[in-house]
Amino acid sequence: MTATSTTTGSRMPALLELGQSIWLDYLRRGMLASGELAALIAAGLRGMTSNPTIFQEAIGGSTDYDDALARVAGSSASDFDVFEAIAVEDVRSAADLFRPVYERSNGGDGFVSLEVSPALARDTRGTIAEAERLWRAVDRPNVMIKIPGTREGWPAIERCLTDGININITLLFSVEYYLEVAGAYLAALEARVSKGQPISRVASVASFFVSRVDTEVDARLARIDHPQAKELAGTIGVANARLAYAAFQEITASERWRALAARGALVQRPLWASTGTKNPAYSDVLYLEELIGRDTVNTVPPETLRKFEHHGTVAPTLAGHEETARKRMEQLARVGVAFDDVTRVLEAEGIEKFAKSYTALIETIARKR
């Protein structure tokens, strides 16, 4: 994506009018220095996310970092330390560019996310320690530390939020797990209130993965001889997200939430992740057009954002479809696909994928040094 591809006729401001913020699911040093990111922010971009795969592709697939790696080629720093220094510098620089968005939105937007090591996805204590260390290292109020929404991650999420660390909860695939992390956010805010601590600048998003759900479900449906199997293909990712949004609406309508909102609490927005279309048979902007709703974020790969800016339709599509979504999930069960098993597999695969990217990233740094 080039800076000019979204600066004219951007659809992002129209989405913002409907209550949805677009974040870019990408980070590379060159776009910070070239003015590309600044141009995207001017066009309406509201935040940015990163993960081990993004950093692996950025460092291994560009020359942006060669000078920085050359400078530490003979140092005693480990390859891990070198990567962390690079990541912290990039995230800090991006956060500085987004800082005006953060201030204008009163802490509601303008965030850049940095993920804890995927090796810690099943390690509560290790996750807390790394999240605290990264938060101190970046030292910017508009940064979010990404923690996987695994069972082991739940207490880490609550602890870090209680301590005032902004958290992007990643790798969510089920409404059940979403409700757990939403509860962790509320409990953390209540704990801060009980200690007389402010809550108006503690921020969190709950990142719900979408296209990966369809990839896994479609593969299972293809093996089933049932008349309804074909019509369910490509619909479950959106249906699952819409049910999560319905759960979100119930939470924000509750007395428990209203009591916190009265004290200035920020809503924990659902964030739609994995929104690039993987199946060429589907619309290349499917997961943007079908998930537009108030108090949400869509974190979008650069190419998908470019396509949406070119031919996407902006209209409220998220709310009001709970019953249809629920029927889709019931049909899925009737044809023989166990969605609990789908989400279990996706979580394990997600952790493994990021872990492999992390290993490849460290190997790339070692080779380039």
Protein backbone atom coordinates (compact mmCIF):
# COMPACT_ATOMS: atom_id res chain seq x y z
CA MET A 1 0.00 0.00 0.00
CA THR A 2 1.25 3.46 -0.79
CA ALA A 3 0.43 6.57 1.14
CA THR A 4 -1.54 8.02 -1.77
CA SER A 5 -3.84 5.02 -2.10
CA THR A 6 -6.15 6.14 0.72
CA THR A 7 -5.64 9.87 1.01
CA THR A 8 -8.31 10.77 -1.56
CA GLY A 9 -11.92 9.73 -1.07
CA SER A 10 -11.16 7.59 1.96
CA ARG A 11 -14.01 5.52 3.34
CA MET A 12 -12.50 5.53 6.82
CA PRO A 13 -14.19 8.77 7.98
CA ALA A 14 -17.56 7.37 6.89
CA LEU A 15 -16.93 4.25 8.95
CA LEU A 16 -16.00 6.42 11.91
CA GLU A 17 -19.35 8.20 11.62
CA LEU A 18 -20.97 4.78 12.08
CA GLY A 19 -18.85 4.18 15.18
CA GLN A 20 -16.15 1.92 13.73
CA SER A 21 -12.42 2.65 13.78
CA ILE A 22 -10.04 1.21 11.21
CA TRP A 23 -6.65 0.07 12.48
CA LEU A 24 -3.91 -1.19 10.18
CA ASP A 25 -2.78 -4.76 10.77
CA TYR A 26 0.77 -4.00 9.70
CA LEU A 27 3.90 -2.21 10.87
CA ARG A 28 7.17 -1.61 9.04
CA ARG A 29 9.84 0.96 9.79
CA GLY A 30 9.96 2.35 6.25
CA MET A 31 6.36 3.54 6.39
CA LEU A 32 7.14 5.57 9.50
CA ALA A 33 10.02 7.50 7.95
CA SER A 34 8.52 7.90 4.45
CA GLY A 35 5.39 9.72 5.55
CA GLU A 36 3.16 6.82 4.46
CA LEU A 37 1.74 6.25 7.95
CA ALA A 38 1.21 9.97 8.51
CA ALA A 39 -0.79 10.13 5.26
CA LEU A 40 -2.94 7.18 6.32
CA ILE A 41 -3.64 8.84 9.67
CA ALA A 42 -4.64 12.01 7.83
CA ALA A 43 -7.02 9.88 5.73
CA GLY A 44 -8.71 8.50 8.84
CA LEU A 45 -6.62 5.59 10.14
CA ARG A 46 -7.15 5.32 13.91
CA GLY A 47 -4.61 2.76 15.12
CA MET A 48 -2.21 -0.06 14.30
CA THR A 49 -1.51 -3.62 15.38
CA SER A 50 1.53 -5.84 15.14
CA ASN A 51 2.34 -9.48 15.83
CA PRO A 52 5.33 -11.83 15.37
CA THR A 53 4.30 -12.67 11.79
CA ILE A 54 4.15 -8.99 10.84
CA PHE A 55 7.59 -8.30 12.29
CA GLN A 56 9.02 -11.42 10.64
CA GLU A 57 7.78 -10.29 7.23
CA ALA A 58 8.92 -6.70 7.80
CA ILE A 59 12.43 -7.55 8.95
CA GLY A 60 12.97 -10.52 6.65
CA GLY A 61 11.23 -9.11 3.59
CA SER A 62 12.67 -5.60 3.47
CA THR A 63 15.94 -3.72 3.86
CA ASP A 64 14.41 -1.28 6.35
CA TYR A 65 16.25 -2.84 9.27
CA ASP A 66 19.60 -3.73 7.67
CA ASP A 67 21.43 -0.66 8.94
CA ALA A 68 20.13 -1.16 12.47
CA LEU A 69 21.16 -4.83 12.40
CA ALA A 70 24.57 -3.96 11.00
CA ARG A 71 25.19 -1.61 13.93
CA VAL A 72 24.67 -4.45 16.43
CA ALA A 73 26.30 -7.19 14.35
CA GLY A 74 29.24 -7.58 16.70
CA SER A 75 27.56 -6.64 19.96
CA SER A 76 27.00 -8.98 22.87
CA ALA A 77 23.22 -8.44 22.73
CA SER A 78 21.22 -11.60 22.04
CA ASP A 79 19.12 -11.91 18.90
CA PHE A 80 16.04 -11.73 21.13
CA ASP A 81 17.26 -8.48 22.71
CA VAL A 82 17.94 -7.02 19.26
CA PHE A 83 14.43 -7.85 18.08
CA GLU A 84 12.83 -6.41 21.18
CA ALA A 85 14.80 -3.18 20.79
CA ILE A 86 13.66 -2.92 17.16
CA ALA A 87 10.03 -3.66 18.02
CA VAL A 88 9.95 -1.21 20.91
CA GLU A 89 11.47 1.55 18.75
CA ASP A 90 8.97 0.97 15.92
CA VAL A 91 5.95 0.80 18.22
CA ARG A 92 7.07 3.90 20.12
CA SER A 93 7.58 5.86 16.88
CA ALA A 94 4.19 4.77 15.52
CA ALA A 95 2.53 5.67 18.83
CA ASP A 96 4.03 9.14 18.62
CA LEU A 97 2.47 9.60 15.17
CA PHE A 98 -0.89 8.44 16.51
CA ARG A 99 -0.66 10.54 19.68
CA PRO A 100 -2.81 13.40 18.31
CA VAL A 101 -5.57 10.88 17.49
CA TYR A 102 -5.30 9.55 21.03
CA GLU A 103 -5.60 13.01 22.55
CA ARG A 104 -8.46 14.15 20.30
CA SER A 105 -10.45 10.99 21.08
CA ASN A 106 -9.84 11.34 24.85
CA GLY A 107 -7.96 8.07 24.95
CA GLY A 108 -10.47 6.16 22.86
CA ASP A 109 -8.31 5.62 19.77
CA GLY A 110 -4.80 6.13 18.43
CA PHE A 111 -3.34 2.90 19.82
CA VAL A 112 -0.44 0.76 18.60
CA SER A 113 -0.22 -2.86 19.80
CA LEU A 114 2.84 -4.92 20.72
CA GLU A 115 2.49 -8.62 21.52
CA VAL A 116 4.07 -10.65 24.29
CA SER A 117 6.06 -13.68 23.16
CA PRO A 118 3.75 -16.44 21.85
CA ALA A 119 5.82 -18.90 23.88
CA LEU A 120 4.05 -17.47 26.94
CA ALA A 121 0.50 -18.20 25.76
CA ARG A 122 0.10 -20.92 28.43
CA ASP A 123 2.19 -19.16 31.09
CA THR A 124 0.25 -16.73 33.28
CA ARG A 125 3.16 -15.45 35.37
CA GLY A 126 5.47 -15.17 32.39
CA THR A 127 2.83 -13.22 30.47
CA ILE A 128 2.35 -10.74 33.32
CA ALA A 129 6.10 -10.19 33.68
CA GLU A 130 6.64 -9.64 29.95
CA ALA A 131 3.61 -7.40 29.57
CA GLU A 132 4.85 -5.22 32.44
CA ARG A 133 8.36 -5.09 30.98
CA LEU A 134 7.19 -4.17 27.46
CA TRP A 135 4.80 -1.54 28.84
CA ARG A 136 7.65 0.12 30.72
CA ALA A 137 10.00 -0.16 27.73
CA VAL A 138 7.67 1.51 25.23
CA ASP A 139 6.55 4.10 27.78
CA ARG A 140 3.67 5.58 25.81
CA PRO A 141 0.05 5.94 27.04
CA ASN A 142 -1.37 5.01 23.63
CA VAL A 143 0.19 1.56 23.40
CA MET A 144 -1.61 -1.73 23.99
CA ILE A 145 0.16 -4.92 25.01
CA LYS A 146 -1.33 -7.95 23.25
CA ILE A 147 -2.09 -10.97 25.43
CA PRO A 148 -3.73 -14.14 24.02
CA GLY A 149 -7.21 -14.80 25.38
CA THR A 150 -6.36 -18.33 26.49
CA ARG A 151 -7.49 -19.68 29.85
CA GLU A 152 -4.00 -19.02 31.17
CA GLY A 153 -4.21 -15.50 29.77
CA TRP A 154 -7.40 -14.53 31.62
CA PRO A 155 -5.78 -13.84 35.03
CA ALA A 156 -2.85 -12.11 33.32
CA ILE A 157 -5.25 -9.84 31.44
CA GLU A 158 -7.13 -8.91 34.62
CA ARG A 159 -3.91 -8.29 36.57
CA CYS A 160 -2.35 -6.09 33.89
CA LEU A 161 -5.53 -4.05 33.40
CA THR A 162 -5.82 -3.62 37.16
CA ASP A 163 -2.28 -2.23 37.10
CA GLY A 164 -3.29 0.29 34.42
CA ILE A 165 -1.73 -1.42 31.39
CA ASN A 166 -3.77 -1.15 28.19
CA ILE A 167 -4.45 -4.63 26.83
CA ASN A 168 -5.36 -5.92 23.37
CA ILE A 169 -6.75 -9.40 24.00
CA THR A 170 -5.89 -11.47 20.95
CA LEU A 171 -6.69 -14.92 19.51
CA LEU A 172 -10.35 -14.98 20.51
CA PHE A 173 -12.53 -17.40 18.57
CA SER A 174 -15.54 -18.14 20.78
CA VAL A 175 -18.25 -16.09 22.46
CA GLU A 176 -17.60 -18.13 25.62
CA TYR A 177 -13.99 -16.94 25.84
CA TYR A 178 -14.99 -13.40 24.87
CA LEU A 179 -17.33 -13.25 27.86
CA GLU A 180 -14.46 -14.33 30.12
CA VAL A 181 -12.14 -11.55 28.97
CA ALA A 182 -14.94 -9.00 29.02
CA GLY A 183 -15.54 -10.01 32.62
CA ALA A 184 -11.82 -9.64 33.35
CA TYR A 185 -11.97 -6.05 32.06
CA LEU A 186 -14.94 -5.17 34.25
CA ALA A 187 -13.34 -6.79 37.29
CA ALA A 188 -10.09 -4.89 36.71
CA LEU A 189 -11.90 -1.56 36.48
CA GLU A 190 -13.88 -2.34 39.64
CA ALA A 191 -10.65 -3.24 41.45
CA ARG A 192 -9.15 0.12 40.48
CA VAL A 193 -12.27 1.95 41.64
CA SER A 194 -12.13 0.14 45.00
CA LYS A 195 -8.54 1.41 45.45
CA GLY A 196 -9.43 4.96 44.47
CA GLN A 197 -7.49 4.72 41.19
CA PRO A 198 -8.63 6.42 37.95
CA ILE A 199 -10.17 4.32 35.19
CA SER A 200 -10.77 6.88 32.44
CA ARG A 201 -7.55 6.08 30.54
CA VAL A 202 -7.42 2.30 30.97
CA ALA A 203 -8.18 0.88 27.52
CA SER A 204 -8.78 -2.58 26.10
CA VAL A 205 -10.03 -4.27 22.95
CA ALA A 206 -11.15 -7.87 22.53
CA SER A 207 -9.77 -9.18 19.23
CA PHE A 208 -12.13 -11.66 17.62
CA PHE A 209 -10.64 -13.58 14.67
CA VAL A 210 -12.98 -13.99 11.72
CA SER A 211 -11.63 -15.36 8.42
CA ARG A 212 -9.74 -18.17 10.14
CA VAL A 213 -13.07 -19.43 11.45
CA ASP A 214 -14.41 -19.77 7.91
CA THR A 215 -11.21 -21.46 6.71
CA GLU A 216 -11.50 -24.18 9.37
CA VAL A 217 -15.29 -24.57 9.21
CA ASP A 218 -15.38 -24.64 5.40
CA ALA A 219 -12.80 -27.44 5.35
CA ARG A 220 -14.99 -29.49 7.68
CA LEU A 221 -18.17 -28.72 5.72
CA ALA A 222 -16.51 -29.87 2.50
CA ARG A 223 -16.21 -33.35 3.99
CA ILE A 224 -19.89 -33.57 4.94
CA ASP A 225 -22.62 -34.93 2.66
CA HIS A 226 -25.55 -32.83 3.82
CA PRO A 227 -27.80 -30.52 1.80
CA GLN A 228 -27.22 -27.58 4.17
CA ALA A 229 -23.43 -27.92 4.32
CA LYS A 230 -22.76 -25.97 1.14
CA GLU A 231 -25.00 -23.03 2.07
CA LEU A 232 -23.22 -22.62 5.42
CA ALA A 233 -19.80 -22.20 3.80
CA GLY A 234 -18.39 -18.71 4.23
CA THR A 235 -21.07 -17.62 6.73
CA ILE A 236 -19.91 -18.83 10.13
CA GLY A 237 -17.08 -16.36 10.71
CA VAL A 238 -19.48 -13.43 10.38
CA ALA A 239 -22.26 -15.19 12.32
CA ASN A 240 -19.89 -15.92 15.20
CA ALA A 241 -18.69 -12.29 15.27
CA ARG A 242 -22.27 -11.01 15.26
CA LEU A 243 -23.12 -13.18 18.25
CA ALA A 244 -20.07 -11.77 20.04
CA TYR A 245 -21.32 -8.28 19.26
CA ALA A 246 -24.76 -9.13 20.63
CA ALA A 247 -23.05 -10.29 23.85
CA PHE A 248 -21.11 -7.01 23.91
CA GLN A 249 -24.34 -5.04 23.61
CA GLU A 250 -25.81 -6.95 26.57
CA ILE A 251 -22.74 -6.14 28.66
CA THR A 252 -22.82 -2.44 27.86
CA ALA A 253 -26.53 -2.32 28.69
CA SER A 254 -25.95 -3.83 32.14
CA GLU A 255 -26.07 -1.98 35.45
CA ARG A 256 -22.56 -3.21 36.17
CA TRP A 257 -21.18 -1.47 33.09
CA ARG A 258 -23.24 1.69 33.54
CA ALA A 259 -21.79 2.15 37.03
CA LEU A 260 -18.28 2.06 35.57
CA ALA A 261 -19.17 4.24 32.61
CA ALA A 262 -20.45 6.87 35.03
CA ARG A 263 -16.92 7.00 36.44
CA GLY A 264 -15.44 7.60 32.99
CA ALA A 265 -14.62 4.04 31.93
CA LEU A 266 -13.85 3.42 28.26
CA VAL A 267 -15.84 0.70 26.55
CA GLN A 268 -13.88 -2.47 25.75
CA ARG A 269 -14.56 -2.59 22.03
CA PRO A 270 -14.77 -5.80 20.02
CA LEU A 271 -12.01 -5.77 17.42
CA TRP A 272 -12.43 -7.80 14.23
CA ALA A 273 -9.09 -9.42 13.37
CA SER A 274 -8.03 -11.76 10.60
CA THR A 275 -10.25 -9.80 8.21
CA GLY A 276 -8.38 -10.38 4.97
CA THR A 277 -10.41 -12.72 2.74
CA LYS A 278 -8.55 -16.03 2.34
CA ASN A 279 -10.99 -17.77 -0.02
CA PRO A 280 -10.97 -16.20 -3.53
CA ALA A 281 -14.56 -17.37 -4.02
CA TYR A 282 -15.70 -14.79 -1.46
CA SER A 283 -15.81 -11.00 -1.71
CA ASP A 284 -12.38 -9.50 -1.11
CA VAL A 285 -13.97 -7.06 1.37
CA LEU A 286 -16.40 -9.52 2.97
CA TYR A 287 -15.13 -9.14 6.53
CA LEU A 288 -15.23 -5.36 6.40
CA GLU A 289 -18.63 -4.89 4.77
CA GLU A 290 -20.44 -7.42 6.98
CA LEU A 291 -19.08 -6.26 10.34
CA ILE A 292 -19.69 -2.50 10.45
CA GLY A 293 -21.13 -1.38 13.76
CA ARG A 294 -20.83 1.12 16.60
CA ASP A 295 -18.10 0.77 19.23
CA THR A 296 -16.02 -1.64 17.16
CA VAL A 297 -12.60 -1.76 15.53
CA ASN A 298 -11.59 -3.56 12.35
CA THR A 299 -7.85 -4.19 12.05
CA VAL A 300 -7.15 -4.58 8.35
CA PRO A 301 -4.20 -5.85 6.30
CA PRO A 302 -2.85 -3.17 3.91
CA GLU A 303 -4.05 -4.88 0.72
CA THR A 304 -7.54 -5.45 2.12
CA LEU A 305 -7.75 -1.81 3.18
CA ARG A 306 -6.70 -0.73 -0.30
CA LYS A 307 -9.48 -2.86 -1.82
CA PHE A 308 -12.08 -1.54 0.60
CA GLU A 309 -11.05 2.03 -0.13
CA HIS A 310 -11.52 1.25 -3.83
CA HIS A 311 -14.85 -0.57 -3.86
CA GLY A 312 -16.13 -1.21 -0.33
CA THR A 313 -19.67 -0.33 0.75
CA VAL A 314 -20.13 1.60 4.00
CA ALA A 315 -23.39 0.75 5.77
CA PRO A 316 -24.35 -0.49 9.26
CA THR A 317 -24.39 -4.27 8.96
CA LEU A 318 -23.44 -5.65 12.37
CA ALA A 319 -26.37 -5.15 14.73
CA GLY A 320 -29.81 -6.69 14.37
CA HIS A 321 -28.74 -10.05 12.95
CA GLU A 322 -28.45 -12.03 16.16
CA GLU A 323 -31.32 -14.40 15.43
CA THR A 324 -30.05 -15.24 11.93
CA ALA A 325 -26.55 -15.76 13.29
CA ARG A 326 -27.83 -18.05 16.02
CA LYS A 327 -29.75 -20.13 13.46
CA ARG A 328 -26.57 -20.47 11.39
CA MET A 329 -24.72 -21.86 14.39
CA GLU A 330 -27.57 -24.25 15.14
CA GLN A 331 -27.53 -25.45 11.52
CA LEU A 332 -23.79 -25.98 11.78
CA ALA A 333 -24.28 -28.26 14.76
CA ARG A 334 -27.05 -30.18 12.97
CA VAL A 335 -24.86 -30.98 9.97
CA GLY A 336 -22.21 -32.36 12.33
CA VAL A 337 -19.62 -29.64 12.89
CA ALA A 338 -18.73 -29.17 16.57
CA PHE A 339 -17.91 -25.49 16.90
CA ASP A 340 -16.26 -25.97 20.30
CA ASP A 341 -13.72 -28.20 18.59
CA VAL A 342 -13.27 -25.64 15.80
CA THR A 343 -12.34 -22.95 18.31
CA ARG A 344 -10.03 -25.31 20.22
CA VAL A 345 -8.13 -26.16 17.04
CA LEU A 346 -7.96 -22.52 15.92
CA GLU A 347 -6.54 -21.34 19.24
CA ALA A 348 -3.83 -24.03 19.19
CA GLU A 349 -3.01 -23.30 15.55
CA GLY A 350 -2.90 -19.57 16.20
CA ILE A 351 -0.40 -19.98 19.03
CA GLU A 352 1.69 -22.38 16.93
CA LYS A 353 1.68 -20.06 13.91
CA PHE A 354 2.88 -17.07 15.91
CA ALA A 355 5.47 -19.21 17.69
CA LYS A 356 6.86 -20.38 14.33
CA SER A 357 6.95 -16.80 13.05
CA TYR A 358 8.74 -15.74 16.22
CA THR A 359 11.36 -18.46 15.78
CA ALA A 360 11.81 -17.57 12.11
CA LEU A 361 12.10 -13.90 13.08
CA ILE A 362 14.93 -14.55 15.54
CA GLU A 363 16.67 -16.74 12.95
CA THR A 364 16.34 -13.94 10.38
CA ILE A 365 17.92 -11.46 12.78
CA ALA A 366 20.77 -13.88 13.49
CA ARG A 367 21.38 -14.36 9.76
CA LYS A 368 21.26 -10.66 8.91
CA ARG A 369 23.54 -9.73 11.79
